[in-house]
Amino acid sequence: MAKLTLKTSVITINAVDLSDHIGQVTIETSRDEVDVTAFGAANKETIAGLGDATISCECFQDFAAGELDATLWPLSTSDTPFVVTVKATNAAVSATNPRYDLTCLLFEYNPIDGAVGDAATTTVTFRNAAQAGLTRNTV
């Protein structure tokens, strides 16, 4: 099995490639655990409920035109879903380099967050906003 070091990951937010401003990315999926245990059961029985997904990014802030803040600010004030995509490497999408897509909304955005002498960073979490949830594309 091949090992991988994340060096050339590609993250686009609303079709803007912001990979050069992102130092960490996390994709999370979950499903509700629904208890369907009936009377007379000797053990609990559970089934998978509704799914959810998030993509979180630790970003290096940039207020220049067309960069991080110019992309995130309007998304944080809009009710219109947008797509975030993540690939582990900058190679073409394939079975060994899938692209994860999430139609999402940005509910919270901190344009400035730091202390004296710190790198200007902000952490954003993109929340699922569509029935498709997180999709994994290999072609």
C-alpha atoms as a PDB file:
ATOM      1  CA  MET A   1       0.000   0.000   0.000  1.00  0.00           C
ATOM      2  CA  ALA A   2       1.333   3.423  -0.970  1.00  0.00           C
ATOM      3  CA  LYS A   3       1.957   6.034   1.687  1.00  0.00           C
ATOM      4  CA  LEU A   4       1.214   9.698   1.049  1.00  0.00           C
ATOM      5  CA  THR A   5       2.505  12.996   2.342  1.00  0.00           C
ATOM      6  CA  LEU A   6       0.174  15.912   1.708  1.00  0.00           C
ATOM      7  CA  LYS A   7       2.306  18.393  -0.232  1.00  0.00           C
ATOM      8  CA  THR A   8       0.371  19.315  -3.350  1.00  0.00           C
ATOM      9  CA  SER A   9      -3.254  19.109  -2.249  1.00  0.00           C
ATOM     10  CA  VAL A  10      -5.711  21.136  -4.302  1.00  0.00           C
ATOM     11  CA  ILE A  11      -8.596  22.952  -2.632  1.00  0.00           C
ATOM     12  CA  THR A  12     -11.041  25.073  -4.602  1.00  0.00           C
ATOM     13  CA  ILE A  13     -13.728  27.184  -2.998  1.00  0.00           C
ATOM     14  CA  ASN A  14     -16.489  28.368  -5.301  1.00  0.00           C
ATOM     15  CA  ALA A  15     -14.216  27.532  -8.288  1.00  0.00           C
ATOM     16  CA  VAL A  16     -11.304  29.612  -6.897  1.00  0.00           C
ATOM     17  CA  ASP A  17      -8.105  27.618  -6.299  1.00  0.00           C
ATOM     18  CA  LEU A  18      -6.945  28.698  -2.843  1.00  0.00           C
ATOM     19  CA  SER A  19      -4.512  25.819  -2.264  1.00  0.00           C
ATOM     20  CA  ASP A  20      -1.614  28.245  -1.777  1.00  0.00           C
ATOM     21  CA  HIS A  21      -3.455  29.834   1.175  1.00  0.00           C
ATOM     22  CA  ILE A  22      -4.425  26.636   2.996  1.00  0.00           C
ATOM     23  CA  GLY A  23      -2.120  24.837   5.426  1.00  0.00           C
ATOM     24  CA  GLN A  24      -4.500  22.148   6.648  1.00  0.00           C
ATOM     25  CA  VAL A  25      -7.662  20.518   5.335  1.00  0.00           C
ATOM     26  CA  THR A  26      -9.978  18.007   6.979  1.00  0.00           C
ATOM     27  CA  ILE A  27     -12.919  16.206   5.398  1.00  0.00           C
ATOM     28  CA  GLU A  28     -15.394  14.667   7.837  1.00  0.00           C
ATOM     29  CA  THR A  29     -18.430  12.515   7.180  1.00  0.00           C
ATOM     30  CA  SER A  30     -20.900  11.158   9.678  1.00  0.00           C
ATOM     31  CA  ARG A  31     -24.243   9.420   9.886  1.00  0.00           C
ATOM     32  CA  ASP A  32     -26.751   9.614  12.688  1.00  0.00           C
ATOM     33  CA  GLU A  33     -26.983   6.440  14.725  1.00  0.00           C
ATOM     34  CA  VAL A  34     -30.672   5.632  15.087  1.00  0.00           C
ATOM     35  CA  ASP A  35     -31.798   3.242  17.810  1.00  0.00           C
ATOM     36  CA  VAL A  36     -34.506   0.865  16.531  1.00  0.00           C
ATOM     37  CA  THR A  37     -34.464  -1.529  19.476  1.00  0.00           C
ATOM     38  CA  ALA A  38     -37.928  -2.994  20.098  1.00  0.00           C
ATOM     39  CA  PHE A  39     -39.434  -4.454  23.240  1.00  0.00           C
ATOM     40  CA  GLY A  40     -38.255  -7.978  23.904  1.00  0.00           C
ATOM     41  CA  ALA A  41     -34.805  -7.432  22.402  1.00  0.00           C
ATOM     42  CA  ALA A  42     -31.766  -8.790  24.225  1.00  0.00           C
ATOM     43  CA  ASN A  43     -29.420  -6.300  22.561  1.00  0.00           C
ATOM     44  CA  LYS A  44     -29.655  -2.859  21.036  1.00  0.00           C
ATOM     45  CA  GLU A  45     -30.259  -2.589  17.317  1.00  0.00           C
ATOM     46  CA  THR A  46     -29.149   0.470  15.391  1.00  0.00           C
ATOM     47  CA  ILE A  47     -29.427   1.645  11.812  1.00  0.00           C
ATOM     48  CA  ALA A  48     -27.745   4.441   9.908  1.00  0.00           C
ATOM     49  CA  GLY A  49     -29.733   7.662   9.812  1.00  0.00           C
ATOM     50  CA  LEU A  50     -29.145  10.910   7.985  1.00  0.00           C
ATOM     51  CA  GLY A  51     -25.663  11.679   6.731  1.00  0.00           C
ATOM     52  CA  ASP A  52     -23.672  14.877   7.116  1.00  0.00           C
ATOM     53  CA  ALA A  53     -20.341  16.197   5.905  1.00  0.00           C
ATOM     54  CA  THR A  54     -17.981  19.096   6.519  1.00  0.00           C
ATOM     55  CA  ILE A  55     -14.748  20.357   5.036  1.00  0.00           C
ATOM     56  CA  SER A  56     -12.567  22.417   7.391  1.00  0.00           C
ATOM     57  CA  CYS A  57      -9.567  24.467   6.299  1.00  0.00           C
ATOM     58  CA  GLU A  58      -6.919  26.359   8.210  1.00  0.00           C
ATOM     59  CA  CYS A  59      -6.134  29.295   5.959  1.00  0.00           C
ATOM     60  CA  PHE A  60      -3.464  31.971   5.773  1.00  0.00           C
ATOM     61  CA  GLN A  61      -5.353  35.244   5.420  1.00  0.00           C
ATOM     62  CA  ASP A  62      -4.931  37.471   2.366  1.00  0.00           C
ATOM     63  CA  PHE A  63      -6.977  40.608   1.713  1.00  0.00           C
ATOM     64  CA  ALA A  64      -5.821  41.148  -1.897  1.00  0.00           C
ATOM     65  CA  ALA A  65      -8.367  41.157  -4.718  1.00  0.00           C
ATOM     66  CA  GLY A  66      -9.332  37.663  -5.822  1.00  0.00           C
ATOM     67  CA  GLU A  67      -7.667  35.988  -2.846  1.00  0.00           C
ATOM     68  CA  LEU A  68      -8.920  34.436   0.406  1.00  0.00           C
ATOM     69  CA  ASP A  69     -10.975  37.208   2.035  1.00  0.00           C
ATOM     70  CA  ALA A  70     -12.367  38.358  -1.320  1.00  0.00           C
ATOM     71  CA  THR A  71     -13.602  34.797  -1.859  1.00  0.00           C
ATOM     72  CA  LEU A  72     -14.834  33.946   1.651  1.00  0.00           C
ATOM     73  CA  TRP A  73     -16.513  37.200   2.697  1.00  0.00           C
ATOM     74  CA  PRO A  74     -19.305  37.154   0.096  1.00  0.00           C
ATOM     75  CA  LEU A  75     -19.863  33.418   0.695  1.00  0.00           C
ATOM     76  CA  SER A  76     -20.265  34.022   4.436  1.00  0.00           C
ATOM     77  CA  THR A  77     -23.000  36.606   3.801  1.00  0.00           C
ATOM     78  CA  SER A  78     -24.901  34.637   1.163  1.00  0.00           C
ATOM     79  CA  ASP A  79     -27.651  32.024   1.352  1.00  0.00           C
ATOM     80  CA  THR A  80     -26.567  30.526  -1.985  1.00  0.00           C
ATOM     81  CA  PRO A  81     -24.787  27.149  -1.790  1.00  0.00           C
ATOM     82  CA  PHE A  82     -21.400  26.798  -3.502  1.00  0.00           C
ATOM     83  CA  VAL A  83     -19.007  23.921  -4.156  1.00  0.00           C
ATOM     84  CA  VAL A  84     -15.764  23.127  -2.331  1.00  0.00           C
ATOM     85  CA  THR A  85     -13.481  20.500  -3.889  1.00  0.00           C
ATOM     86  CA  VAL A  86     -10.462  18.732  -2.399  1.00  0.00           C
ATOM     87  CA  LYS A  87      -7.856  16.480  -4.017  1.00  0.00           C
ATOM     88  CA  ALA A  88      -4.927  14.930  -2.143  1.00  0.00           C
ATOM     89  CA  THR A  89      -2.486  15.820  -4.941  1.00  0.00           C
ATOM     90  CA  ASN A  90      -2.393  18.075  -7.972  1.00  0.00           C
ATOM     91  CA  ALA A  91      -2.432  15.040 -10.305  1.00  0.00           C
ATOM     92  CA  ALA A  92      -5.448  14.288 -12.472  1.00  0.00           C
ATOM     93  CA  VAL A  93      -8.541  12.880 -10.808  1.00  0.00           C
ATOM     94  CA  SER A  94      -8.309   9.089 -10.783  1.00  0.00           C
ATOM     95  CA  ALA A  95      -8.997   6.018  -8.659  1.00  0.00           C
ATOM     96  CA  THR A  96      -5.758   6.788  -6.788  1.00  0.00           C
ATOM     97  CA  ASN A  97      -6.388  10.552  -6.552  1.00  0.00           C
ATOM     98  CA  PRO A  98     -10.117  11.054  -5.957  1.00  0.00           C
ATOM     99  CA  ARG A  99     -11.703  14.486  -5.823  1.00  0.00           C
ATOM    100  CA  TYR A 100     -14.168  15.100  -3.005  1.00  0.00           C
ATOM    101  CA  ASP A 101     -16.955  17.600  -3.759  1.00  0.00           C
ATOM    102  CA  LEU A 102     -19.312  19.207  -1.274  1.00  0.00           C
ATOM    103  CA  THR A 103     -22.073  21.678  -2.044  1.00  0.00           C
ATOM    104  CA  CYS A 104     -22.052  23.770   1.079  1.00  0.00           C
ATOM    105  CA  LEU A 105     -22.617  26.973   2.990  1.00  0.00           C
ATOM    106  CA  LEU A 106     -20.251  28.977   5.176  1.00  0.00           C
ATOM    107  CA  PHE A 107     -22.095  29.887   8.383  1.00  0.00           C
ATOM    108  CA  GLU A 108     -19.182  31.401  10.311  1.00  0.00           C
ATOM    109  CA  TYR A 109     -16.159  33.390   9.165  1.00  0.00           C
ATOM    110  CA  ASN A 110     -13.548  35.227  11.248  1.00  0.00           C
ATOM    111  CA  PRO A 111     -11.624  37.475   8.834  1.00  0.00           C
ATOM    112  CA  ILE A 112      -9.132  38.467  11.532  1.00  0.00           C
ATOM    113  CA  ASP A 113      -8.067  36.048  14.258  1.00  0.00           C
ATOM    114  CA  GLY A 114      -4.641  36.188  15.891  1.00  0.00           C
ATOM    115  CA  ALA A 115      -2.222  37.758  18.310  1.00  0.00           C
ATOM    116  CA  VAL A 116       0.765  40.056  17.937  1.00  0.00           C
ATOM    117  CA  GLY A 117       3.429  38.363  15.852  1.00  0.00           C
ATOM    118  CA  ASP A 118       1.217  35.455  14.751  1.00  0.00           C
ATOM    119  CA  ALA A 119       0.591  34.513  11.166  1.00  0.00           C
ATOM    120  CA  ALA A 120      -2.778  35.911  10.122  1.00  0.00           C
ATOM    121  CA  THR A 121      -4.895  32.765   9.875  1.00  0.00           C
ATOM    122  CA  THR A 122      -8.539  31.852   9.914  1.00  0.00           C
ATOM    123  CA  THR A 123     -10.211  28.476  10.213  1.00  0.00           C
ATOM    124  CA  VAL A 124     -13.348  27.921   8.177  1.00  0.00           C
ATOM    125  CA  THR A 125     -15.794  25.035   8.186  1.00  0.00           C
ATOM    126  CA  PHE A 126     -17.956  24.414   5.168  1.00  0.00           C
ATOM    127  CA  ARG A 127     -21.217  22.641   6.039  1.00  0.00           C
ATOM    128  CA  ASN A 128     -23.229  20.341   3.804  1.00  0.00           C
ATOM    129  CA  ALA A 129     -26.071  22.157   2.002  1.00  0.00           C
ATOM    130  CA  ALA A 130     -27.375  19.584  -0.482  1.00  0.00           C
ATOM    131  CA  GLN A 131     -29.002  16.166  -0.520  1.00  0.00           C
ATOM    132  CA  ALA A 132     -26.041  14.708  -2.444  1.00  0.00           C
ATOM    133  CA  GLY A 133     -23.762  15.210   0.571  1.00  0.00           C
ATOM    134  CA  LEU A 134     -20.058  14.586   0.040  1.00  0.00           C
ATOM    135  CA  THR A 135     -19.292  12.908  -3.272  1.00  0.00           C
ATOM    136  CA  ARG A 136     -16.123  11.040  -4.240  1.00  0.00           C
ATOM    137  CA  ASN A 137     -15.184  11.355  -7.900  1.00  0.00           C
ATOM    138  CA  THR A 138     -12.576   9.195  -9.631  1.00  0.00           C
ATOM    139  CA  VAL A 139     -13.088  10.221 -13.269  1.00  0.00           C
END
